Amino acid sequence: MPTSDSLHSLVLHLPIGTTALSAIFLFVLLRRAASRGFPPHLMWWAIGVFTYGLGTALESSITLFGNSIPLNKAWYVAGALLGGYPLAQGSVYLLTPRTFARATSLITVPIIVALSIAVALSPVNMTAFHPEKPGGAILVWTWIRWCTPFLNLYAVTFLIGGAVFSAVHYFVSGRRPRRAAGNVFIALGATMPGVGGGMAKAGVVEALYIGELIGIVFIWIGYALCVSQPRIEPTLHIEPKMHAEEQANESLNKAPDHPQPSHAKGIGNAKRAIEGT
């Protein structure tokens, strides 16, 4: 029987697996983006998966080698500030007019840059520092932590809200049920790190590690369902068209060689038979 210490150690090592999955998922997204001319929504999603994996990679480093102030601060930027924002911004570019998407980027990106600089410059409360687990409580400038819920609300609105909206749309319309199911998985996957992050603020960072792993798995499943297309037989309605063309050609072949009053009429009927298929 595994002991509580061994289970706790296993949970602390979960970010290693999450980082590996994020790296593979990032490759899949970049390959699809390259095949489609690097559209902005796919590039934002790729940035989101990169920062997602970066956050879990920092968690892995802390678990394996121990925590430090630079690692802790980098984790806060990657996880708290950039956790869901790039993925949400990808949904903004996908679901809203391009002018609106660009306007939101011009507003939100400078805010995140400013908050990241503030995290780097913030004094540190060493009494809140943990040698094995990262946390935001080490930041003396607590106003930074009061700003992150607004970024989380932005991510919830456009990432989770956009996925729910798309799922309802496809379910109601009855079209593309795979995309409907895929968006449900994306919404659930995006919720998991948020739930874990809320518990991490209370000091239970292990819940964040579990939520991150479940989240990336669900998001990837949802993405795979959304981009998969059912096979469509390419031979539909080809035979009737060929049959009509053969009839038209047969009519033309039967037409007399010398001019007759009905000759033009026969050719016209043959042409109409072809054009009507």
Protein backbone atom coordinates (compact mmCIF):
# COMPACT_ATOMS: atom_id res chain seq x y z
CA MET A 1 0.00 0.00 0.00
CA PRO A 2 1.39 3.43 -0.93
CA THR A 3 1.95 5.71 2.02
CA SER A 4 0.76 9.28 2.27
CA ASP A 5 4.34 10.47 1.84
CA SER A 6 4.77 8.50 -1.40
CA LEU A 7 1.47 9.82 -2.77
CA HIS A 8 2.47 13.34 -1.84
CA SER A 9 5.81 12.87 -3.62
CA LEU A 10 4.00 11.55 -6.69
CA VAL A 11 1.75 14.61 -6.80
CA LEU A 12 4.76 16.91 -6.54
CA HIS A 13 6.24 15.18 -9.60
CA LEU A 14 3.08 15.49 -11.73
CA PRO A 15 4.29 18.74 -13.38
CA ILE A 16 7.00 16.74 -15.16
CA GLY A 17 4.35 14.78 -17.06
CA THR A 18 2.31 17.93 -17.65
CA THR A 19 5.36 19.65 -19.13
CA ALA A 20 6.02 16.73 -21.49
CA LEU A 21 2.39 16.71 -22.68
CA SER A 22 2.47 20.48 -23.20
CA ALA A 23 5.62 20.21 -25.33
CA ILE A 24 4.03 17.60 -27.61
CA PHE A 25 0.78 19.57 -27.82
CA LEU A 26 2.75 22.70 -28.70
CA PHE A 27 4.39 20.86 -31.61
CA VAL A 28 0.95 19.74 -32.86
CA LEU A 29 -0.41 23.29 -32.72
CA LEU A 30 2.61 24.80 -34.50
CA ARG A 31 2.43 22.20 -37.25
CA ARG A 32 -1.24 22.98 -37.85
CA ALA A 33 -0.56 26.71 -37.71
CA ALA A 34 2.22 26.36 -40.30
CA SER A 35 -0.10 24.46 -42.64
CA ARG A 36 -2.65 27.30 -42.43
CA GLY A 37 -0.39 30.33 -42.72
CA PHE A 38 0.02 30.95 -38.99
CA PRO A 39 -3.42 32.44 -38.20
CA PRO A 40 -3.43 34.58 -35.03
CA HIS A 41 -5.82 32.39 -33.04
CA LEU A 42 -3.59 29.34 -33.47
CA MET A 43 -0.48 31.35 -32.63
CA TRP A 44 -2.08 32.66 -29.44
CA TRP A 45 -3.09 29.12 -28.51
CA ALA A 46 0.47 27.97 -29.16
CA ILE A 47 1.77 30.75 -26.89
CA GLY A 48 -0.77 29.66 -24.28
CA VAL A 49 0.34 26.04 -24.35
CA PHE A 50 3.97 27.20 -24.20
CA THR A 51 3.38 29.32 -21.09
CA TYR A 52 1.28 26.51 -19.62
CA GLY A 53 4.20 24.13 -20.08
CA LEU A 54 6.66 26.76 -18.88
CA GLY A 55 4.77 27.09 -15.61
CA THR A 56 4.75 23.33 -15.05
CA ALA A 57 8.43 23.11 -16.08
CA LEU A 58 9.27 25.62 -13.36
CA GLU A 59 7.23 23.56 -10.90
CA SER A 60 9.20 20.50 -11.99
CA SER A 61 12.49 22.33 -11.43
CA ILE A 62 11.38 23.38 -7.96
CA THR A 63 10.38 19.81 -7.12
CA LEU A 64 13.63 18.29 -8.39
CA PHE A 65 16.17 20.93 -7.41
CA GLY A 66 14.48 23.06 -4.78
CA ASN A 67 12.85 26.47 -4.80
CA SER A 68 14.52 29.85 -5.16
CA ILE A 69 13.35 33.44 -5.37
CA PRO A 70 13.95 33.75 -9.16
CA LEU A 71 12.20 30.42 -9.83
CA ASN A 72 9.29 31.35 -7.60
CA LYS A 73 8.82 34.73 -9.29
CA ALA A 74 9.14 33.24 -12.77
CA TRP A 75 6.53 30.63 -11.81
CA TYR A 76 4.16 33.38 -10.66
CA VAL A 77 4.47 35.21 -13.99
CA ALA A 78 4.04 32.06 -16.08
CA GLY A 79 1.29 30.57 -13.94
CA ALA A 80 -0.69 33.39 -12.36
CA LEU A 81 -0.31 36.08 -15.03
CA LEU A 82 -0.03 33.99 -18.18
CA GLY A 83 -1.85 30.84 -17.09
CA GLY A 84 -5.01 31.19 -19.15
CA TYR A 85 -4.63 34.58 -20.83
CA PRO A 86 -2.95 33.54 -24.14
CA LEU A 87 -5.42 30.69 -24.65
CA ALA A 88 -8.28 33.10 -23.99
CA GLN A 89 -6.81 35.60 -26.44
CA GLY A 90 -6.75 32.88 -29.08
CA SER A 91 -10.47 32.39 -28.54
CA VAL A 92 -10.96 36.16 -28.85
CA TYR A 93 -9.30 36.11 -32.27
CA LEU A 94 -11.35 33.08 -33.31
CA LEU A 95 -14.78 34.22 -32.14
CA THR A 96 -14.81 38.02 -32.34
CA PRO A 97 -14.15 40.61 -35.07
CA ARG A 98 -10.48 41.21 -35.77
CA THR A 99 -10.69 44.88 -34.74
CA PHE A 100 -12.02 43.92 -31.32
CA ALA A 101 -9.38 41.23 -30.88
CA ARG A 102 -6.58 43.66 -31.73
CA ALA A 103 -8.00 46.27 -29.38
CA THR A 104 -8.07 43.81 -26.48
CA SER A 105 -4.46 42.83 -27.22
CA LEU A 106 -3.36 46.48 -27.17
CA ILE A 107 -5.00 46.89 -23.76
CA THR A 108 -4.13 43.63 -22.01
CA VAL A 109 -0.58 42.93 -23.20
CA PRO A 110 0.90 46.14 -21.67
CA ILE A 111 -0.91 45.38 -18.40
CA ILE A 112 0.63 41.90 -18.23
CA VAL A 113 4.08 43.28 -19.08
CA ALA A 114 3.76 45.90 -16.32
CA LEU A 115 2.62 43.30 -13.77
CA SER A 116 5.48 40.99 -14.74
CA ILE A 117 7.97 43.80 -14.14
CA ALA A 118 6.31 44.48 -10.78
CA VAL A 119 6.69 40.81 -9.81
CA ALA A 120 10.39 40.96 -10.65
CA LEU A 121 10.89 44.14 -8.61
CA SER A 122 8.71 43.25 -5.64
CA PRO A 123 10.44 42.73 -2.28
CA VAL A 124 10.13 39.24 -0.85
CA ASN A 125 8.62 38.00 2.40
CA MET A 126 11.01 35.18 3.30
CA THR A 127 8.75 33.91 6.06
CA ALA A 128 6.28 32.85 3.34
CA PHE A 129 8.98 31.20 1.22
CA HIS A 130 8.75 27.40 0.92
CA PRO A 131 11.86 25.45 -0.18
CA GLU A 132 9.85 22.79 -2.07
CA LYS A 133 6.70 24.55 -3.30
CA PRO A 134 6.15 27.88 -5.10
CA GLY A 135 3.64 30.45 -3.92
CA GLY A 136 2.51 34.01 -4.45
CA ALA A 137 2.54 34.87 -0.76
CA ILE A 138 6.23 35.76 -0.94
CA LEU A 139 5.40 39.00 -2.82
CA VAL A 140 5.45 41.97 -0.46
CA TRP A 141 3.61 44.08 -3.02
CA THR A 142 0.29 42.38 -2.37
CA TRP A 143 -1.54 44.62 -4.83
CA ILE A 144 -0.07 42.45 -7.60
CA ARG A 145 -2.01 39.49 -6.30
CA TRP A 146 -5.18 41.58 -6.26
CA CYS A 147 -4.74 42.24 -9.99
CA THR A 148 -4.50 38.59 -11.06
CA PRO A 149 -8.22 37.83 -10.49
CA PHE A 150 -9.08 40.33 -13.23
CA LEU A 151 -6.84 38.46 -15.66
CA ASN A 152 -8.44 35.22 -14.53
CA LEU A 153 -11.88 36.72 -15.12
CA TYR A 154 -10.80 37.70 -18.64
CA ALA A 155 -9.65 34.12 -19.26
CA VAL A 156 -12.87 32.69 -17.87
CA THR A 157 -14.99 35.00 -20.01
CA PHE A 158 -13.36 34.28 -23.35
CA LEU A 159 -11.75 30.86 -22.96
CA ILE A 160 -14.35 29.03 -20.91
CA GLY A 161 -17.24 31.26 -22.00
CA GLY A 162 -16.24 30.99 -25.66
CA ALA A 163 -16.02 27.21 -25.41
CA VAL A 164 -19.43 26.97 -23.72
CA PHE A 165 -20.96 29.29 -26.32
CA SER A 166 -19.55 27.21 -29.18
CA ALA A 167 -20.68 23.94 -27.56
CA VAL A 168 -24.24 25.21 -27.14
CA HIS A 169 -24.25 26.54 -30.69
CA TYR A 170 -23.21 23.21 -32.20
CA PHE A 171 -25.51 21.19 -29.95
CA VAL A 172 -28.54 23.33 -30.80
CA SER A 173 -27.81 23.45 -34.52
CA GLY A 174 -27.22 19.70 -34.64
CA ARG A 175 -24.18 20.24 -36.86
CA ARG A 176 -20.69 18.96 -36.13
CA PRO A 177 -21.37 17.07 -32.88
CA ARG A 178 -17.64 16.43 -32.51
CA ARG A 179 -17.01 20.15 -32.18
CA ALA A 180 -19.79 20.41 -29.63
CA ALA A 181 -18.21 17.67 -27.52
CA GLY A 182 -14.74 19.11 -28.09
CA ASN A 183 -15.73 22.50 -26.74
CA VAL A 184 -17.18 20.84 -23.65
CA PHE A 185 -13.80 19.22 -23.01
CA ILE A 186 -12.02 22.54 -23.57
CA ALA A 187 -14.30 24.30 -21.10
CA LEU A 188 -13.75 21.58 -18.49
CA GLY A 189 -10.01 21.54 -19.10
CA ALA A 190 -9.74 25.31 -18.73
CA THR A 191 -11.66 25.12 -15.45
CA MET A 192 -9.33 22.61 -13.79
CA PRO A 193 -6.25 24.87 -13.32
CA GLY A 194 -8.52 27.64 -12.05
CA VAL A 195 -9.93 25.38 -9.36
CA GLY A 196 -6.46 24.19 -8.46
CA GLY A 197 -5.12 27.74 -8.49
CA GLY A 198 -7.79 28.83 -6.04
CA MET A 199 -6.73 26.05 -3.67
CA ALA A 200 -3.06 26.95 -4.24
CA LYS A 201 -3.76 30.45 -2.92
CA ALA A 202 -4.93 28.76 0.26
CA GLY A 203 -1.61 26.92 0.45
CA VAL A 204 -2.63 23.62 -1.20
CA VAL A 205 -0.40 23.87 -4.27
CA GLU A 206 -0.70 20.13 -4.85
CA ALA A 207 -4.28 20.70 -6.05
CA LEU A 208 -2.89 23.02 -8.73
CA TYR A 209 -0.53 20.29 -9.97
CA ILE A 210 -3.41 17.83 -10.32
CA GLY A 211 -5.65 20.40 -11.99
CA GLU A 212 -2.94 21.36 -14.48
CA LEU A 213 -2.43 17.77 -15.61
CA ILE A 214 -6.15 17.09 -16.00
CA GLY A 215 -6.58 20.46 -17.69
CA ILE A 216 -4.01 19.96 -20.47
CA VAL A 217 -5.34 16.44 -21.15
CA PHE A 218 -8.93 17.68 -21.47
CA ILE A 219 -7.95 20.69 -23.60
CA TRP A 220 -5.99 18.47 -25.97
CA ILE A 221 -8.88 16.01 -26.26
CA GLY A 222 -11.22 18.91 -26.99
CA TYR A 223 -8.89 20.34 -29.60
CA ALA A 224 -8.53 16.95 -31.30
CA LEU A 225 -12.32 16.56 -31.47
CA CYS A 226 -12.77 20.06 -32.88
CA VAL A 227 -10.27 19.67 -35.71
CA SER A 228 -11.25 16.12 -36.66
CA GLN A 229 -13.57 15.88 -39.65
CA PRO A 230 -15.88 12.99 -40.56
CA ARG A 231 -15.06 11.25 -43.82
CA ILE A 232 -17.18 12.39 -46.76
CA GLU A 233 -17.59 10.16 -49.80
CA PRO A 234 -16.41 12.12 -52.86
CA THR A 235 -18.52 10.16 -55.38
CA LEU A 236 -21.93 11.55 -54.42
CA HIS A 237 -24.02 12.72 -57.42
CA ILE A 238 -21.25 11.94 -59.92
CA GLU A 239 -23.01 9.05 -61.63
CA PRO A 240 -26.27 10.97 -62.33
CA LYS A 241 -24.26 13.80 -63.86
CA MET A 242 -22.28 11.42 -66.07
CA HIS A 243 -25.50 9.76 -67.14
CA ALA A 244 -27.00 13.10 -68.18
CA GLU A 245 -23.88 14.01 -70.12
CA GLU A 246 -23.96 10.67 -71.94
CA GLN A 247 -27.60 11.28 -72.90
CA ALA A 248 -26.73 14.74 -74.16
CA ASN A 249 -23.80 13.44 -76.21
CA GLU A 250 -25.99 10.67 -77.62
CA SER A 251 -28.55 13.25 -78.71
CA LEU A 252 -25.83 15.26 -80.44
CA ASN A 253 -24.49 12.16 -82.23
CA LYS A 254 -27.96 11.35 -83.56
CA ALA A 255 -28.40 14.81 -85.03
CA PRO A 256 -28.38 14.85 -88.93
CA ASP A 257 -25.33 16.25 -90.73
CA HIS A 258 -27.33 18.46 -93.14
CA PRO A 259 -29.19 21.54 -91.91
CA GLN A 260 -32.74 20.93 -90.73
CA PRO A 261 -35.16 23.20 -88.90
CA SER A 262 -34.95 21.01 -85.80
CA HIS A 263 -31.13 20.88 -85.78
CA ALA A 264 -30.63 24.03 -83.71
CA LYS A 265 -33.42 22.97 -81.43
CA GLY A 266 -31.76 19.56 -80.83
CA ILE A 267 -28.41 21.12 -79.96
CA GLY A 268 -30.13 23.60 -77.66
CA ASN A 269 -31.91 20.79 -75.86
CA ALA A 270 -28.63 18.89 -75.52
CA LYS A 271 -26.88 21.92 -74.10
CA ARG A 272 -29.72 22.48 -71.67
CA ALA A 273 -29.48 18.83 -70.57
CA ILE A 274 -25.78 19.28 -69.77
CA GLU A 275 -26.21 22.60 -68.02
CA GLY A 276 -29.09 21.34 -65.93
CA THR A 277 -27.00 18.62 -64.20
